[in-house]
Amino acid sequence: MKAYGNGSTATCVQNLCSLTSGEVYGDRVRGISTKLTDRKGITGDLVECIQWLIREYEPRADTDSITVRPSGGLDGDFTVDVLAKKRGG
């Protein structure tokens, strides 16, 4: 998490996508499964997991589109681009 500005929708989405499941005490399902991040290549399962995280834990955001692409680093490294809009606005 960042030192400040954690209340904004965009920052909350970024924080959710940075978590791995099992990392949050008392909420072991919050985060991206390591089974998905350890695979070679990017699968639709990863995109579905990110969509579920945002729907479940960030009700202020609607996902318009999610793009997952390799980051150019090691195998298994990826970058997630999430376009989100505030609900009702």
PDB file of N, CA and C in Angstrom:
ATOM      1  N   MET A   1       0.839  -1.184   0.000  1.00  0.00           N
ATOM      2  CA  MET A   1       0.000   0.000   0.000  1.00  0.00           C
ATOM      3  C   MET A   1       0.877   1.238   0.000  1.00  0.00           C
ATOM      4  N   LYS A   2       0.331   2.280  -0.524  1.00  0.00           N
ATOM      5  CA  LYS A   2       1.057   3.547  -0.568  1.00  0.00           C
ATOM      6  C   LYS A   2       0.975   4.246   0.775  1.00  0.00           C
ATOM      7  N   ALA A   3       1.847   5.199   0.985  1.00  0.00           N
ATOM      8  CA  ALA A   3       1.877   5.934   2.249  1.00  0.00           C
ATOM      9  C   ALA A   3       0.670   6.857   2.394  1.00  0.00           C
ATOM     10  N   TYR A   4       0.131   7.336   1.283  1.00  0.00           N
ATOM     11  CA  TYR A   4      -1.043   8.210   1.327  1.00  0.00           C
ATOM     12  C   TYR A   4      -1.839   8.034   0.040  1.00  0.00           C
ATOM     13  N   GLY A   5      -3.074   8.505   0.042  1.00  0.00           N
ATOM     14  CA  GLY A   5      -3.922   8.435  -1.137  1.00  0.00           C
ATOM     15  C   GLY A   5      -4.573   7.088  -1.344  1.00  0.00           C
ATOM     16  N   ASN A   6      -4.622   6.273  -0.310  1.00  0.00           N
ATOM     17  CA  ASN A   6      -5.191   4.933  -0.448  1.00  0.00           C
ATOM     18  C   ASN A   6      -6.708   4.926  -0.550  1.00  0.00           C
ATOM     19  N   GLY A   7      -7.349   6.065  -0.399  1.00  0.00           N
ATOM     20  CA  GLY A   7      -8.798   6.120  -0.465  1.00  0.00           C
ATOM     21  C   GLY A   7      -9.343   6.227  -1.873  1.00  0.00           C
ATOM     22  N   SER A   8      -8.503   6.547  -2.845  1.00  0.00           N
ATOM     23  CA  SER A   8      -9.009   6.706  -4.210  1.00  0.00           C
ATOM     24  C   SER A   8      -9.293   5.348  -4.834  1.00  0.00           C
ATOM     25  N   THR A   9     -10.244   5.326  -5.732  1.00  0.00           N
ATOM     26  CA  THR A   9     -10.647   4.083  -6.391  1.00  0.00           C
ATOM     27  C   THR A   9      -9.481   3.472  -7.163  1.00  0.00           C
ATOM     28  N   ALA A  10      -8.764   4.284  -7.908  1.00  0.00           N
ATOM     29  CA  ALA A  10      -7.651   3.774  -8.718  1.00  0.00           C
ATOM     30  C   ALA A  10      -6.565   3.160  -7.843  1.00  0.00           C
ATOM     31  N   THR A  11      -6.261   3.785  -6.726  1.00  0.00           N
ATOM     32  CA  THR A  11      -5.234   3.257  -5.832  1.00  0.00           C
ATOM     33  C   THR A  11      -5.687   1.961  -5.187  1.00  0.00           C
ATOM     34  N   CYS A  12      -6.960   1.870  -4.825  1.00  0.00           N
ATOM     35  CA  CYS A  12      -7.483   0.636  -4.237  1.00  0.00           C
ATOM     36  C   CYS A  12      -7.416  -0.515  -5.230  1.00  0.00           C
ATOM     37  N   VAL A  13      -7.728  -0.256  -6.492  1.00  0.00           N
ATOM     38  CA  VAL A  13      -7.633  -1.288  -7.522  1.00  0.00           C
ATOM     39  C   VAL A  13      -6.178  -1.721  -7.684  1.00  0.00           C
ATOM     40  N   GLN A  14      -5.271  -0.758  -7.680  1.00  0.00           N
ATOM     41  CA  GLN A  14      -3.846  -1.076  -7.801  1.00  0.00           C
ATOM     42  C   GLN A  14      -3.377  -1.926  -6.616  1.00  0.00           C
ATOM     43  N   ASN A  15      -3.803  -1.583  -5.416  1.00  0.00           N
ATOM     44  CA  ASN A  15      -3.431  -2.356  -4.237  1.00  0.00           C
ATOM     45  C   ASN A  15      -3.976  -3.781  -4.311  1.00  0.00           C
ATOM     46  N   LEU A  16      -5.213  -3.945  -4.754  1.00  0.00           N
ATOM     47  CA  LEU A  16      -5.800  -5.282  -4.882  1.00  0.00           C
ATOM     48  C   LEU A  16      -5.017  -6.145  -5.858  1.00  0.00           C
ATOM     49  N   CYS A  17      -4.604  -5.553  -6.967  1.00  0.00           N
ATOM     50  CA  CYS A  17      -3.868  -6.304  -7.980  1.00  0.00           C
ATOM     51  C   CYS A  17      -2.437  -6.615  -7.544  1.00  0.00           C
ATOM     52  N   SER A  18      -1.980  -5.985  -6.483  1.00  0.00           N
ATOM     53  CA  SER A  18      -0.625  -6.227  -5.974  1.00  0.00           C
ATOM     54  C   SER A  18      -0.589  -7.332  -4.924  1.00  0.00           C
ATOM     55  N   LEU A  19      -1.748  -7.742  -4.442  1.00  0.00           N
ATOM     56  CA  LEU A  19      -1.805  -8.768  -3.398  1.00  0.00           C
ATOM     57  C   LEU A  19      -1.782 -10.165  -3.993  1.00  0.00           C
ATOM     58  N   THR A  20      -1.227 -11.098  -3.236  1.00  0.00           N
ATOM     59  CA  THR A  20      -1.369 -12.502  -3.588  1.00  0.00           C
ATOM     60  C   THR A  20      -2.264 -13.148  -2.544  1.00  0.00           C
ATOM     61  N   SER A  21      -3.031 -14.137  -2.960  1.00  0.00           N
ATOM     62  CA  SER A  21      -3.952 -14.778  -2.023  1.00  0.00           C
ATOM     63  C   SER A  21      -3.164 -15.387  -0.869  1.00  0.00           C
ATOM     64  N   GLY A  22      -3.736 -15.272   0.328  1.00  0.00           N
ATOM     65  CA  GLY A  22      -3.072 -15.753   1.524  1.00  0.00           C
ATOM     66  C   GLY A  22      -2.261 -14.686   2.232  1.00  0.00           C
ATOM     67  N   GLU A  23      -2.107 -13.537   1.610  1.00  0.00           N
ATOM     68  CA  GLU A  23      -1.289 -12.466   2.163  1.00  0.00           C
ATOM     69  C   GLU A  23      -2.025 -11.646   3.226  1.00  0.00           C
ATOM     70  N   VAL A  24      -3.345 -11.571   3.140  1.00  0.00           N
ATOM     71  CA  VAL A  24      -4.138 -10.765   4.062  1.00  0.00           C
ATOM     72  C   VAL A  24      -4.671 -11.675   5.168  1.00  0.00           C
ATOM     73  N   TYR A  25      -4.232 -11.419   6.380  1.00  0.00           N
ATOM     74  CA  TYR A  25      -4.658 -12.229   7.519  1.00  0.00           C
ATOM     75  C   TYR A  25      -6.163 -12.101   7.707  1.00  0.00           C
ATOM     76  N   GLY A  26      -6.841 -13.211   7.853  1.00  0.00           N
ATOM     77  CA  GLY A  26      -8.285 -13.214   8.061  1.00  0.00           C
ATOM     78  C   GLY A  26      -9.097 -13.161   6.778  1.00  0.00           C
ATOM     79  N   ASP A  27      -8.440 -12.968   5.649  1.00  0.00           N
ATOM     80  CA  ASP A  27      -9.131 -12.929   4.359  1.00  0.00           C
ATOM     81  C   ASP A  27      -8.218 -13.590   3.331  1.00  0.00           C
ATOM     82  N   ARG A  28      -8.121 -14.894   3.408  1.00  0.00           N
ATOM     83  CA  ARG A  28      -7.147 -15.647   2.618  1.00  0.00           C
ATOM     84  C   ARG A  28      -7.454 -15.703   1.128  1.00  0.00           C
ATOM     85  N   VAL A  29      -8.657 -15.315   0.713  1.00  0.00           N
ATOM     86  CA  VAL A  29      -8.974 -15.354  -0.717  1.00  0.00           C
ATOM     87  C   VAL A  29      -8.688 -14.027  -1.418  1.00  0.00           C
ATOM     88  N   ARG A  30      -8.458 -12.955  -0.646  1.00  0.00           N
ATOM     89  CA  ARG A  30      -8.183 -11.652  -1.263  1.00  0.00           C
ATOM     90  C   ARG A  30      -6.794 -11.673  -1.889  1.00  0.00           C
ATOM     91  N   GLY A  31      -6.729 -11.379  -3.165  1.00  0.00           N
ATOM     92  CA  GLY A  31      -5.466 -11.356  -3.885  1.00  0.00           C
ATOM     93  C   GLY A  31      -5.491 -12.297  -5.068  1.00  0.00           C
ATOM     94  N   ILE A  32      -4.432 -12.244  -5.839  1.00  0.00           N
ATOM     95  CA  ILE A  32      -4.302 -13.071  -7.036  1.00  0.00           C
ATOM     96  C   ILE A  32      -3.634 -14.379  -6.638  1.00  0.00           C
ATOM     97  N   SER A  33      -4.204 -15.469  -7.088  1.00  0.00           N
ATOM     98  CA  SER A  33      -3.687 -16.792  -6.756  1.00  0.00           C
ATOM     99  C   SER A  33      -2.283 -16.978  -7.309  1.00  0.00           C
ATOM    100  N   THR A  34      -1.409 -17.539  -6.509  1.00  0.00           N
ATOM    101  CA  THR A  34      -0.054 -17.824  -6.972  1.00  0.00           C
ATOM    102  C   THR A  34      -0.060 -18.906  -8.047  1.00  0.00           C
ATOM    103  N   LYS A  35      -1.105 -19.711  -8.104  1.00  0.00           N
ATOM    104  CA  LYS A  35      -1.224 -20.711  -9.166  1.00  0.00           C
ATOM    105  C   LYS A  35      -1.325 -20.028 -10.527  1.00  0.00           C
ATOM    106  N   LEU A  36      -1.899 -18.822 -10.542  1.00  0.00           N
ATOM    107  CA  LEU A  36      -2.049 -18.091 -11.799  1.00  0.00           C
ATOM    108  C   LEU A  36      -0.797 -17.308 -12.153  1.00  0.00           C
ATOM    109  N   THR A  37      -0.122 -16.755 -11.163  1.00  0.00           N
ATOM    110  CA  THR A  37       1.043 -15.931 -11.438  1.00  0.00           C
ATOM    111  C   THR A  37       2.287 -16.753 -11.729  1.00  0.00           C
ATOM    112  N   ASP A  38       2.299 -18.014 -11.330  1.00  0.00           N
ATOM    113  CA  ASP A  38       3.466 -18.856 -11.565  1.00  0.00           C
ATOM    114  C   ASP A  38       3.438 -19.562 -12.914  1.00  0.00           C
ATOM    115  N   ARG A  39       2.358 -19.420 -13.652  1.00  0.00           N
ATOM    116  CA  ARG A  39       2.253 -20.047 -14.965  1.00  0.00           C
ATOM    117  C   ARG A  39       3.046 -19.262 -15.997  1.00  0.00           C
ATOM    118  N   LYS A  40       3.505 -19.982 -17.005  1.00  0.00           N
ATOM    119  CA  LYS A  40       4.119 -19.288 -18.138  1.00  0.00           C
ATOM    120  C   LYS A  40       2.994 -18.748 -19.010  1.00  0.00           C
ATOM    121  N   GLY A  41       3.145 -17.559 -19.464  1.00  0.00           N
ATOM    122  CA  GLY A  41       2.116 -16.955 -20.296  1.00  0.00           C
ATOM    123  C   GLY A  41       0.966 -16.424 -19.450  1.00  0.00           C
ATOM    124  N   ILE A  42       0.070 -15.746 -20.104  1.00  0.00           N
ATOM    125  CA  ILE A  42      -1.057 -15.123 -19.423  1.00  0.00           C
ATOM    126  C   ILE A  42      -2.334 -15.822 -19.879  1.00  0.00           C
ATOM    127  N   THR A  43      -3.174 -16.156 -18.919  1.00  0.00           N
ATOM    128  CA  THR A  43      -4.385 -16.902 -19.240  1.00  0.00           C
ATOM    129  C   THR A  43      -5.625 -16.069 -18.946  1.00  0.00           C
ATOM    130  N   GLY A  44      -6.748 -16.533 -19.460  1.00  0.00           N
ATOM    131  CA  GLY A  44      -8.025 -15.897 -19.171  1.00  0.00           C
ATOM    132  C   GLY A  44      -8.390 -16.031 -17.707  1.00  0.00           C
ATOM    133  N   ASP A  45      -7.859 -17.070 -17.040  1.00  0.00           N
ATOM    134  CA  ASP A  45      -8.122 -17.252 -15.613  1.00  0.00           C
ATOM    135  C   ASP A  45      -7.606 -16.072 -14.798  1.00  0.00           C
ATOM    136  N   LEU A  46      -6.452 -15.528 -15.210  1.00  0.00           N
ATOM    137  CA  LEU A  46      -5.876 -14.388 -14.499  1.00  0.00           C
ATOM    138  C   LEU A  46      -6.772 -13.162 -14.638  1.00  0.00           C
ATOM    139  N   VAL A  47      -7.271 -12.920 -15.826  1.00  0.00           N
ATOM    140  CA  VAL A  47      -8.170 -11.782 -16.059  1.00  0.00           C
ATOM    141  C   VAL A  47      -9.448 -11.962 -15.247  1.00  0.00           C
ATOM    142  N   GLU A  48     -10.002 -13.182 -15.232  1.00  0.00           N
ATOM    143  CA  GLU A  48     -11.212 -13.451 -14.454  1.00  0.00           C
ATOM    144  C   GLU A  48     -10.977 -13.229 -12.965  1.00  0.00           C
ATOM    145  N   CYS A  49      -9.811 -13.623 -12.476  1.00  0.00           N
ATOM    146  CA  CYS A  49      -9.466 -13.427 -11.067  1.00  0.00           C
ATOM    147  C   CYS A  49      -9.419 -11.938 -10.730  1.00  0.00           C
ATOM    148  N   ILE A  50      -8.823 -11.147 -11.591  1.00  0.00           N
ATOM    149  CA  ILE A  50      -8.729  -9.700 -11.359  1.00  0.00           C
ATOM    150  C   ILE A  50     -10.113  -9.065 -11.400  1.00  0.00           C
ATOM    151  N   GLN A  51     -10.947  -9.487 -12.348  1.00  0.00           N
ATOM    152  CA  GLN A  51     -12.318  -8.958 -12.412  1.00  0.00           C
ATOM    153  C   GLN A  51     -13.082  -9.297 -11.136  1.00  0.00           C
ATOM    154  N   TRP A  52     -12.935 -10.519 -10.650  1.00  0.00           N
ATOM    155  CA  TRP A  52     -13.615 -10.923  -9.421  1.00  0.00           C
ATOM    156  C   TRP A  52     -13.131 -10.091  -8.238  1.00  0.00           C
ATOM    157  N   LEU A  53     -11.818  -9.873  -8.135  1.00  0.00           N
ATOM    158  CA  LEU A  53     -11.272  -9.073  -7.037  1.00  0.00           C
ATOM    159  C   LEU A  53     -11.885  -7.679  -7.009  1.00  0.00           C
ATOM    160  N   ILE A  54     -11.952  -7.052  -8.156  1.00  0.00           N
ATOM    161  CA  ILE A  54     -12.472  -5.691  -8.224  1.00  0.00           C
ATOM    162  C   ILE A  54     -13.967  -5.658  -7.907  1.00  0.00           C
ATOM    163  N   ARG A  55     -14.725  -6.625  -8.441  1.00  0.00           N
ATOM    164  CA  ARG A  55     -16.162  -6.676  -8.132  1.00  0.00           C
ATOM    165  C   ARG A  55     -16.399  -6.922  -6.639  1.00  0.00           C
ATOM    166  N   GLU A  56     -15.610  -7.786  -6.051  1.00  0.00           N
ATOM    167  CA  GLU A  56     -15.813  -8.194  -4.663  1.00  0.00           C
ATOM    168  C   GLU A  56     -15.337  -7.150  -3.646  1.00  0.00           C
ATOM    169  N   TYR A  57     -14.185  -6.550  -3.909  1.00  0.00           N
ATOM    170  CA  TYR A  57     -13.541  -5.724  -2.889  1.00  0.00           C
ATOM    171  C   TYR A  57     -13.505  -4.226  -3.192  1.00  0.00           C
ATOM    172  N   GLU A  58     -13.856  -3.825  -4.392  1.00  0.00           N
ATOM    173  CA  GLU A  58     -13.873  -2.399  -4.710  1.00  0.00           C
ATOM    174  C   GLU A  58     -15.185  -2.043  -5.395  1.00  0.00           C
ATOM    175  N   PRO A  59     -16.264  -1.928  -4.601  1.00  0.00           N
ATOM    176  CA  PRO A  59     -17.588  -1.683  -5.176  1.00  0.00           C
ATOM    177  C   PRO A  59     -17.724  -0.319  -5.857  1.00  0.00           C
ATOM    178  N   ARG A  60     -16.801   0.590  -5.611  1.00  0.00           N
ATOM    179  CA  ARG A  60     -16.881   1.901  -6.261  1.00  0.00           C
ATOM    180  C   ARG A  60     -16.461   1.857  -7.720  1.00  0.00           C
ATOM    181  N   ALA A  61     -15.843   0.771  -8.139  1.00  0.00           N
ATOM    182  CA  ALA A  61     -15.321   0.702  -9.507  1.00  0.00           C
ATOM    183  C   ALA A  61     -16.049  -0.350 -10.324  1.00  0.00           C
ATOM    184  N   ASP A  62     -16.251  -0.046 -11.583  1.00  0.00           N
ATOM    185  CA  ASP A  62     -16.733  -1.010 -12.562  1.00  0.00           C
ATOM    186  C   ASP A  62     -15.578  -1.251 -13.527  1.00  0.00           C
ATOM    187  N   THR A  63     -15.347  -2.468 -13.873  1.00  0.00           N
ATOM    188  CA  THR A  63     -14.271  -2.734 -14.832  1.00  0.00           C
ATOM    189  C   THR A  63     -14.822  -2.602 -16.234  1.00  0.00           C
ATOM    190  N   ASP A  64     -14.275  -1.679 -16.990  1.00  0.00           N
ATOM    191  CA  ASP A  64     -14.659  -1.514 -18.391  1.00  0.00           C
ATOM    192  C   ASP A  64     -13.862  -2.466 -19.260  1.00  0.00           C
ATOM    193  N   SER A  65     -12.589  -2.540 -18.995  1.00  0.00           N
ATOM    194  CA  SER A  65     -11.764  -3.509 -19.711  1.00  0.00           C
ATOM    195  C   SER A  65     -10.508  -3.766 -18.895  1.00  0.00           C
ATOM    196  N   ILE A  66     -10.019  -4.949 -19.021  1.00  0.00           N
ATOM    197  CA  ILE A  66      -8.793  -5.327 -18.342  1.00  0.00           C
ATOM    198  C   ILE A  66      -7.848  -5.891 -19.380  1.00  0.00           C
ATOM    199  N   THR A  67      -6.639  -5.380 -19.404  1.00  0.00           N
ATOM    200  CA  THR A  67      -5.617  -5.887 -20.301  1.00  0.00           C
ATOM    201  C   THR A  67      -4.478  -6.419 -19.450  1.00  0.00           C
ATOM    202  N   VAL A  68      -4.106  -7.656 -19.685  1.00  0.00           N
ATOM    203  CA  VAL A  68      -2.976  -8.264 -18.994  1.00  0.00           C
ATOM    204  C   VAL A  68      -1.933  -8.567 -20.060  1.00  0.00           C
ATOM    205  N   ARG A  69      -0.728  -8.048 -19.848  1.00  0.00           N
ATOM    206  CA  ARG A  69       0.323  -8.248 -20.850  1.00  0.00           C
ATOM    207  C   ARG A  69       1.638  -8.573 -20.165  1.00  0.00           C
ATOM    208  N   PRO A  70       2.499  -9.285 -20.849  1.00  0.00           N
ATOM    209  CA  PRO A  70       3.814  -9.574 -20.270  1.00  0.00           C
ATOM    210  C   PRO A  70       4.561  -8.271 -20.032  1.00  0.00           C
ATOM    211  N   SER A  71       5.321  -8.212 -18.945  1.00  0.00           N
ATOM    212  CA  SER A  71       6.025  -6.972 -18.631  1.00  0.00           C
ATOM    213  C   SER A  71       7.399  -6.899 -19.275  1.00  0.00           C
ATOM    214  N   GLY A  72       7.823  -7.963 -19.918  1.00  0.00           N
ATOM    215  CA  GLY A  72       9.125  -7.947 -20.586  1.00  0.00           C
ATOM    216  C   GLY A  72      10.253  -8.407 -19.682  1.00  0.00           C
ATOM    217  N   GLY A  73       9.921  -8.755 -18.455  1.00  0.00           N
ATOM    218  CA  GLY A  73      10.926  -9.238 -17.514  1.00  0.00           C
ATOM    219  C   GLY A  73      11.028 -10.743 -17.567  1.00  0.00           C
ATOM    220  N   LEU A  74      11.066 -11.344 -16.423  1.00  0.00           N
ATOM    221  CA  LEU A  74      11.151 -12.795 -16.308  1.00  0.00           C
ATOM    222  C   LEU A  74       9.836 -13.440 -16.724  1.00  0.00           C
ATOM    223  N   ASP A  75       9.899 -14.733 -17.044  1.00  0.00           N
ATOM    224  CA  ASP A  75       8.665 -15.464 -17.322  1.00  0.00           C
ATOM    225  C   ASP A  75       7.747 -15.367 -16.125  1.00  0.00           C
ATOM    226  N   GLY A  76       6.488 -15.114 -16.364  1.00  0.00           N
ATOM    227  CA  GLY A  76       5.525 -15.005 -15.285  1.00  0.00           C
ATOM    228  C   GLY A  76       5.297 -13.584 -14.807  1.00  0.00           C
ATOM    229  N   ASP A  77       6.164 -12.639 -15.189  1.00  0.00           N
ATOM    230  CA  ASP A  77       5.949 -11.238 -14.836  1.00  0.00           C
ATOM    231  C   ASP A  77       4.922 -10.652 -15.793  1.00  0.00           C
ATOM    232  N   PHE A  78       3.993  -9.874 -15.247  1.00  0.00           N
ATOM    233  CA  PHE A  78       2.957  -9.306 -16.098  1.00  0.00           C
ATOM    234  C   PHE A  78       2.570  -7.924 -15.590  1.00  0.00           C
ATOM    235  N   THR A  79       1.953  -7.167 -16.466  1.00  0.00           N
ATOM    236  CA  THR A  79       1.421  -5.851 -16.147  1.00  0.00           C
ATOM    237  C   THR A  79      -0.073  -5.901 -16.383  1.00  0.00           C
ATOM    238  N   VAL A  80      -0.831  -5.343 -15.450  1.00  0.00           N
ATOM    239  CA  VAL A  80      -2.282  -5.324 -15.567  1.00  0.00           C
ATOM    240  C   VAL A  80      -2.724  -3.880 -15.776  1.00  0.00           C
ATOM    241  N   ASP A  81      -3.426  -3.636 -16.857  1.00  0.00           N
ATOM    242  CA  ASP A  81      -4.021  -2.329 -17.119  1.00  0.00           C
ATOM    243  C   ASP A  81      -5.511  -2.462 -16.878  1.00  0.00           C
ATOM    244  N   VAL A  82      -6.024  -1.732 -15.898  1.00  0.00           N
ATOM    245  CA  VAL A  82      -7.428  -1.770 -15.572  1.00  0.00           C
ATOM    246  C   VAL A  82      -8.028  -0.401 -15.820  1.00  0.00           C
ATOM    247  N   LEU A  83      -9.020  -0.338 -16.661  1.00  0.00           N
ATOM    248  CA  LEU A  83      -9.766   0.890 -16.844  1.00  0.00           C
ATOM    249  C   LEU A  83     -10.987   0.786 -15.955  1.00  0.00           C
ATOM    250  N   ALA A  84     -11.106   1.670 -15.025  1.00  0.00           N
ATOM    251  CA  ALA A  84     -12.237   1.640 -14.110  1.00  0.00           C
ATOM    252  C   ALA A  84     -12.900   2.997 -14.104  1.00  0.00           C
ATOM    253  N   LYS A  85     -14.205   2.988 -13.861  1.00  0.00           N
ATOM    254  CA  LYS A  85     -14.933   4.241 -13.735  1.00  0.00           C
ATOM    255  C   LYS A  85     -15.706   4.199 -12.433  1.00  0.00           C
ATOM    256  N   LYS A  86     -15.940   5.357 -11.876  1.00  0.00           N
ATOM    257  CA  LYS A  86     -16.730   5.422 -10.666  1.00  0.00           C
ATOM    258  C   LYS A  86     -18.166   5.098 -10.969  1.00  0.00           C
ATOM    259  N   ARG A  87     -18.780   4.308 -10.139  1.00  0.00           N
ATOM    260  CA  ARG A  87     -20.183   3.976 -10.335  1.00  0.00           C
ATOM    261  C   ARG A  87     -21.036   5.217 -10.244  1.00  0.00           C
ATOM    262  N   GLY A  88     -22.006   5.319 -11.135  1.00  0.00           N
ATOM    263  CA  GLY A  88     -22.942   6.427 -11.103  1.00  0.00           C
ATOM    264  C   GLY A  88     -22.374   7.713 -11.659  1.00  0.00           C
ATOM    265  N   GLY A  89     -21.184   7.674 -12.227  1.00  0.00           N
ATOM    266  CA  GLY A  89     -20.615   8.920 -12.694  1.00  0.00           C
ATOM    267  C   GLY A  89     -19.894   8.851 -13.933  1.00  0.00           C
TER     268      GLY A  89
END
